[in-house]
Protein backbone atom coordinates (compact mmCIF):
# COMPACT_ATOMS: atom_id res chain seq x y z
CA MET A 1 63.69 89.74 88.04
CA ARG A 2 62.00 89.88 84.64
CA HIS A 3 59.19 87.49 83.66
CA TYR A 4 60.09 84.35 81.71
CA ASN A 5 57.60 82.19 79.78
CA ILE A 6 59.77 79.11 79.52
CA LEU A 7 59.83 78.37 83.30
CA PRO A 8 58.13 79.61 86.48
CA THR A 9 59.85 82.64 88.02
CA ALA A 10 60.20 80.86 91.39
CA GLN A 11 62.18 78.02 89.79
CA ILE A 12 64.51 80.47 88.08
CA ARG A 13 64.99 82.41 91.34
CA ASP A 14 65.87 79.19 93.22
CA ALA A 15 68.54 78.37 90.63
CA SER A 16 70.51 81.50 91.66
CA LEU A 17 71.85 82.14 88.18
CA SER A 18 74.49 84.72 87.40
CA LYS A 19 73.76 87.83 85.36
CA ASP A 20 75.29 86.27 82.23
CA ALA A 21 73.31 83.04 82.63
CA LEU A 22 70.05 85.00 82.95
CA LYS A 23 70.94 86.84 79.75
CA ARG A 24 71.37 83.52 77.93
CA LEU A 25 68.08 82.28 79.37
CA THR A 26 66.44 85.38 77.87
CA TRP A 27 67.72 84.34 74.44
CA ILE A 28 66.29 80.83 74.79
CA ASP A 29 63.01 82.17 76.17
CA TRP A 30 62.55 84.66 73.31
CA TYR A 31 63.52 82.00 70.77
CA SER A 32 60.97 79.50 72.15
CA PHE A 33 58.02 81.92 72.00
CA ASN A 34 58.82 83.65 68.69
CA GLY A 35 58.49 80.81 66.23
CA LYS A 36 61.86 79.24 67.17
CA ASN A 37 63.50 81.41 64.55
CA ALA A 38 67.23 81.41 65.34
CA GLU A 39 68.13 84.05 62.75
CA LEU A 40 65.47 86.45 64.07
CA THR A 41 66.64 85.82 67.66
CA CYS A 42 70.24 86.57 66.78
CA ARG A 43 69.21 89.76 65.00
CA HIS A 44 67.01 90.80 67.95
CA PHE A 45 69.77 90.40 70.54
CA GLY A 46 72.71 91.34 68.32
CA ILE A 47 74.58 88.05 68.71
CA SER A 48 76.13 85.63 66.23
CA LYS A 49 74.52 82.33 65.29
CA SER A 50 77.50 80.36 66.53
CA VAL A 51 77.16 81.88 70.00
CA PHE A 52 73.40 81.29 70.11
CA TYR A 53 73.58 77.66 68.94
CA ARG A 54 76.43 76.93 71.35
CA TRP A 55 74.25 77.90 74.36
CA LYS A 56 71.05 76.46 72.84
CA ASN A 57 72.72 73.07 72.51
CA ARG A 58 74.05 73.24 76.08
CA PHE A 59 70.72 74.31 77.55
CA ASP A 60 69.01 71.73 79.76
CA LEU A 61 65.50 72.59 80.91
CA ASN A 62 65.97 70.52 84.07
CA ASN A 63 69.38 71.98 84.87
CA LEU A 64 69.57 75.76 84.48
CA LYS A 65 73.20 75.72 85.62
CA SER A 66 73.97 74.48 82.10
CA LEU A 67 73.79 78.15 81.06
CA GLU A 68 76.66 79.03 83.39
CA PHE A 69 80.11 79.43 81.87
CA ASP A 70 82.39 76.51 82.68
CA THR A 71 85.92 77.81 83.31
CA LYS A 72 87.34 74.29 82.77
CA LEU A 73 86.59 74.66 79.05
CA ARG A 74 89.27 77.35 78.82
CA ARG A 75 91.93 75.33 80.61
CA PRO A 76 94.81 74.43 78.26
CA HIS A 77 95.33 70.72 77.59
CA ARG A 78 99.03 71.10 78.34
CA LEU A 79 100.23 73.33 81.16
CA ARG A 80 103.76 74.61 81.62
CA GLU A 81 105.52 73.14 84.62
CA MET A 82 108.40 74.50 86.64
CA THR A 83 111.76 73.00 85.62
CA THR A 84 113.37 73.80 88.98
CA SER A 85 114.42 70.78 91.01
CA PRO A 86 111.75 69.70 93.54
CA SER A 87 114.41 69.60 96.26
CA ILE A 88 115.15 73.31 95.74
CA LEU A 89 111.44 74.15 95.71
CA LYS A 90 111.04 72.25 98.97
CA LEU A 91 113.99 74.14 100.47
CA ILE A 92 112.44 77.50 99.48
CA TYR A 93 109.16 76.37 101.02
CA GLU A 94 110.82 75.41 104.32
CA ILE A 95 112.86 78.64 104.58
CA ARG A 96 109.80 80.81 104.02
CA LEU A 97 107.61 78.74 106.35
CA LEU A 98 110.05 79.24 109.24
CA ASP A 99 109.95 83.05 108.81
CA LEU A 100 107.03 84.54 106.87
CA SER A 101 108.59 88.01 107.02
CA LYS A 102 111.59 86.86 105.02
CA SER A 103 111.43 88.38 101.54
CA LYS A 104 112.33 86.73 98.24
CA TYR A 105 115.51 88.82 98.15
CA GLU A 106 116.64 87.46 101.54
CA ILE A 107 115.78 83.90 100.52
CA GLU A 108 117.73 84.38 97.29
CA GLU A 109 120.79 85.56 99.25
CA GLU A 110 120.49 82.67 101.73
CA LEU A 111 120.38 80.13 98.92
CA LYS A 112 123.27 81.85 97.14
CA ARG A 113 125.43 81.47 100.26
CA ALA A 114 124.51 77.79 100.32
CA GLY A 115 125.77 77.45 96.73
CA ILE A 116 122.31 77.44 95.10
CA LYS A 117 121.67 79.98 92.37
CA ILE A 118 117.97 80.53 91.81
CA SER A 119 115.87 83.34 90.34
CA ARG A 120 113.82 85.45 92.74
CA LYS A 121 110.89 85.00 90.33
CA VAL A 122 110.92 81.28 91.11
CA ILE A 123 110.93 82.07 94.84
CA GLN A 124 107.93 84.36 94.40
CA LYS A 125 106.08 81.64 92.47
CA VAL A 126 106.59 79.21 95.33
CA ILE A 127 105.24 81.78 97.80
CA ASN A 128 102.22 82.54 95.61
CA ARG A 129 101.33 78.87 95.12
CA HIS A 130 101.13 78.10 98.83
CA PHE A 131 98.59 79.99 100.89
CA GLU A 132 100.39 79.25 104.15
CA LEU A 133 103.50 81.08 102.93
CA ARG A 134 101.74 84.42 102.42
CA ASN A 135 102.31 87.13 104.98
CA ASP A 136 98.93 88.88 105.27
CA GLU A 137 99.71 90.59 108.59
CA ARG A 138 100.95 93.77 106.91
CA LYS A 139 97.87 93.90 104.67
CA ILE A 140 95.59 93.49 107.70
CA ARG A 141 97.40 96.30 109.56
CA LEU A 142 97.09 98.52 106.50
CA GLN A 143 93.36 97.83 106.23
CA LYS A 144 92.90 98.61 109.92
CA SER A 145 94.79 101.89 109.58
CA ARG A 146 92.55 102.87 106.67
CA ASN A 147 89.41 102.12 108.63
CA TYR A 148 89.08 105.79 109.46
CA LYS A 149 86.72 106.97 112.19
CA ILE A 150 87.20 110.58 111.10
CA ALA A 151 86.01 111.75 107.69
CA ARG A 152 89.10 112.72 105.68
CA ILE A 153 87.64 115.69 103.81
CA LYS A 154 89.90 117.41 101.26
CA ALA A 155 90.17 121.21 101.01
CA SER A 156 89.38 122.85 97.69
CA ARG A 157 92.19 124.74 95.97
CA GLU A 158 90.17 127.97 95.99
CA LEU A 159 90.49 128.23 99.78
CA ARG A 160 94.24 128.92 99.55
CA GLU A 161 93.86 132.40 98.05
CA LYS A 162 90.30 133.21 99.08
CA ASP A 163 90.89 135.39 102.15
CA LEU A 164 92.94 135.83 105.30
CA GLY A 165 92.59 132.70 107.42
CA SER A 166 90.49 130.86 104.83
CA LEU A 167 93.01 128.00 105.00
CA VAL A 168 95.84 127.57 107.52
CA GLN A 169 98.22 124.68 106.85
CA ILE A 170 99.77 122.92 109.85
CA ASP A 171 102.59 120.37 109.84
CA THR A 172 105.35 118.91 112.04
CA LYS A 173 109.07 118.37 111.62
CA HIS A 174 111.42 116.43 113.88
CA LEU A 175 114.64 118.24 114.78
CA TYR A 176 117.80 116.54 116.11
CA ILE A 177 120.06 118.54 118.42
CA LEU A 178 123.11 116.68 119.78
CA GLY A 179 121.31 113.35 119.66
CA GLN A 180 118.06 114.59 121.17
CA ARG A 181 114.86 114.80 119.16
CA PHE A 182 112.46 117.72 119.25
CA TYR A 183 109.29 118.29 117.25
CA VAL A 184 108.64 121.64 115.63
CA PHE A 185 105.02 122.42 114.78
CA VAL A 186 104.49 124.97 112.02
CA ALA A 187 101.38 126.87 110.88
CA ILE A 188 101.06 129.19 107.90
CA ASP A 189 98.21 131.16 106.42
CA CYS A 190 98.02 130.37 102.70
CA ARG A 191 96.94 133.85 101.63
CA SER A 192 99.32 136.08 103.60
CA ARG A 193 102.17 133.58 104.31
CA LEU A 194 101.96 134.64 107.96
CA GLY A 195 103.70 131.85 109.88
CA PHE A 196 104.11 130.56 113.41
CA VAL A 197 106.44 127.84 114.74
CA TYR A 198 106.77 126.28 118.19
CA ALA A 199 108.67 123.29 119.60
CA TYR A 200 107.68 120.31 121.77
CA LYS A 201 109.39 117.22 123.10
CA SER A 202 106.83 114.88 121.53
CA ALA A 203 104.44 114.92 118.59
CA SER A 204 101.31 113.96 120.50
CA SER A 205 97.77 115.06 119.71
CA LYS A 206 97.75 116.85 123.08
CA ASN A 207 100.74 118.98 122.04
CA ALA A 208 99.17 119.56 118.62
CA ALA A 209 96.02 120.87 120.32
CA ASP A 210 98.15 123.12 122.55
CA PHE A 211 99.93 124.42 119.44
CA LEU A 212 96.60 125.31 117.83
CA LEU A 213 95.62 127.26 120.98
CA LYS A 214 98.83 129.27 120.57
CA VAL A 215 98.30 129.88 116.84
CA ILE A 216 94.76 131.27 117.20
CA PRO A 217 95.67 134.34 119.34
CA TYR A 218 98.91 134.90 117.39
CA PHE A 219 97.16 135.36 114.06
CA PRO A 220 95.43 138.78 113.87
CA PHE A 221 92.51 137.34 111.93
CA LYS A 222 90.07 134.50 112.43
CA ILE A 223 91.14 131.02 111.31
CA LEU A 224 88.34 129.71 109.10
CA ALA A 225 89.77 126.29 108.15
CA ILE A 226 92.77 124.07 108.89
CA ASN A 227 94.62 121.67 106.62
CA THR A 228 96.92 118.90 107.96
CA ASP A 229 98.33 115.58 106.85
CA ASN A 230 97.10 112.23 108.20
CA GLY A 231 99.58 112.01 111.09
CA PRO A 232 98.30 110.69 114.44
CA GLU A 233 99.18 113.98 116.14
CA PHE A 234 96.35 115.64 114.21
CA LEU A 235 93.71 113.20 115.41
CA LEU A 236 92.06 112.66 118.81
CA ASN A 237 92.70 115.81 120.93
CA PHE A 238 93.58 118.03 117.98
CA HIS A 239 90.54 117.05 115.94
CA LYS A 240 88.26 117.32 118.99
CA LEU A 241 89.53 120.87 119.56
CA THR A 242 88.78 121.86 115.95
CA GLU A 243 85.23 120.54 116.39
CA GLU A 244 84.81 122.44 119.66
CA LEU A 245 86.06 125.64 117.99
CA ASN A 246 83.86 124.95 114.96
CA ILE A 247 86.86 125.10 112.59
CA PRO A 248 86.67 122.76 109.57
CA HIS A 249 89.57 120.27 109.61
CA TYR A 250 90.74 119.15 106.15
CA PHE A 251 93.23 116.35 105.40
CA THR A 252 95.70 115.73 102.59
CA HIS A 253 95.88 112.51 100.59
CA PRO A 254 98.31 109.95 102.12
CA HIS A 255 101.93 110.50 101.04
CA THR A 256 101.05 113.74 99.24
CA PRO A 257 103.08 116.55 100.89
CA LYS A 258 102.39 118.90 97.97
CA MET A 259 98.83 119.31 99.32
CA ASN A 260 100.45 120.98 102.35
CA ALA A 261 103.14 122.68 100.30
CA ARG A 262 103.26 126.05 102.08
CA ALA A 263 103.77 124.43 105.48
CA GLU A 264 106.52 122.28 103.93
CA ARG A 265 108.13 125.42 102.48
CA LEU A 266 108.01 127.12 105.89
CA ILE A 267 109.83 124.13 107.40
CA LYS A 268 112.57 124.37 104.75
CA THR A 269 112.94 128.11 105.36
CA LEU A 270 113.28 127.47 109.09
CA GLU A 271 116.00 124.89 108.48
CA TYR A 272 118.09 126.43 105.70
CA GLU A 273 117.79 130.14 106.44
CA PHE A 274 117.79 130.07 110.24
CA LEU A 275 118.69 126.88 112.12
CA HIS A 276 121.74 125.96 110.04
CA TYR A 277 123.44 129.21 111.04
CA ARG A 278 122.92 128.94 114.79
CA THR A 279 124.53 127.10 117.67
CA LEU A 280 121.77 124.91 119.09
CA ILE A 281 121.49 123.66 122.66
CA PRO A 282 119.40 120.52 123.42
CA GLU A 283 117.07 122.28 125.87
CA ILE A 284 113.39 122.70 125.04
CA GLU A 285 113.20 126.24 126.39
CA GLU A 286 116.18 127.29 124.27
CA VAL A 287 114.59 125.74 121.18
CA ARG A 288 111.34 127.57 121.91
CA LYS A 289 113.23 130.82 122.32
CA ILE A 290 114.76 130.29 118.88
CA CYS A 291 111.26 129.62 117.48
CA TRP A 292 110.03 132.97 118.79
CA GLU A 293 113.02 134.70 117.20
CA PHE A 294 112.22 133.03 113.90
CA ASN A 295 108.57 134.09 114.11
CA ASP A 296 109.65 137.70 114.53
CA LEU A 297 112.16 137.51 111.66
CA TYR A 298 109.86 135.64 109.25
CA ASN A 299 106.80 137.78 109.72
CA LYS A 300 108.31 141.25 110.18
CA LYS A 301 111.67 141.35 108.39
CA ARG A 302 111.86 138.67 105.70
CA PHE A 303 110.70 139.76 102.24
CA HIS A 304 108.59 137.27 100.30
CA GLN A 305 108.76 137.10 96.52
CA ALA A 306 105.20 135.68 96.37
CA LEU A 307 103.96 138.78 98.22
CA GLY A 308 105.66 141.26 95.89
CA TYR A 309 108.68 141.51 98.22
CA LYS A 310 106.62 142.52 101.23
CA THR A 311 106.73 141.00 104.68
CA PRO A 312 103.68 138.99 105.82
CA GLN A 313 102.94 141.70 108.42
CA GLU A 314 102.91 144.39 105.70
CA TYR A 315 100.78 142.25 103.40
CA VAL A 316 98.16 141.54 106.11
CA SER A 317 98.04 145.27 106.95
CA ILE A 318 97.40 146.14 103.29
CA LEU A 319 94.59 143.58 102.99
CA GLN A 320 92.97 144.73 106.23
CA GLU A 321 93.13 148.39 105.17
CA LYS A 322 91.44 147.51 101.88
CA LYS A 323 88.65 145.83 103.83
CA GLY A 324 88.26 148.87 106.08
CA GLY A 325 89.98 147.35 109.10
CA GLN A 326 92.89 148.54 111.18
CA PRO A 327 96.55 147.60 110.63
CA PHE A 328 97.89 145.24 113.24
CA LEU A 329 101.07 144.68 115.19
CA ILE A 330 102.21 141.23 116.22
């Protein structure tokens, strides 16, 4: 706190003034000890005379709170009031109070069926004006879900094309076969488009960790970083495994699939170019067998426009030969 000549510093500190009130006190203090020249004070602080005299006249040496802005001074003398019948407002209040999860659209429909036509804006006003009608449970759940215990670090765009394995994107997709749900995990190297898919009965973090242990030996190069979305399957066991393997784990922004675009594209390729043309049986081993067939087709036989119409296997071989390594066979 700066030094004031008009009052002891301890007294000003005890008053607990706001930042704006302290600024006004500075005007009065400078004015009092510089010949009480209002024009010079206004020029020094760059304020108008009307503003200075307004606060000078309000200032009370024994009550520093007089320098605080009184919001009541801005209150209109006449306020608009709702023209809706009080009986209807009371009915809206009672309906919402019985079920806080009921939205304004549902309340509007309920009143319409009772022969009462009312705007949903009026219903929302009633909800906003009564604290007990607000449903804060969803907001609390959302805040809890965002209270992350794992740092959600974002991968830089340069990692995608930097080198083999510099960034491997991993994602999941649920697959329905004759009423049964399966979860297909996919992984793709951003540089070479080398992909790997495998199926599980559930999307747990334990299965995600098992999937990562299958991806690592399948890829003929070292995985240097992993990028996933914020799904629960990529936390706990999966994240612990990445820490044990010393592989950086990056996350996308919530509801931003384009940050994992190559994994999303691999899922679409699996669906539209492979699964839609096969007779599927709801057995996990059969689904896994199909996944292995797709891995062989995608990496060895399918030409990729982004790779200059080469297969991922050919592209990885070319890159490894340029670096002085040996071509590989999956």
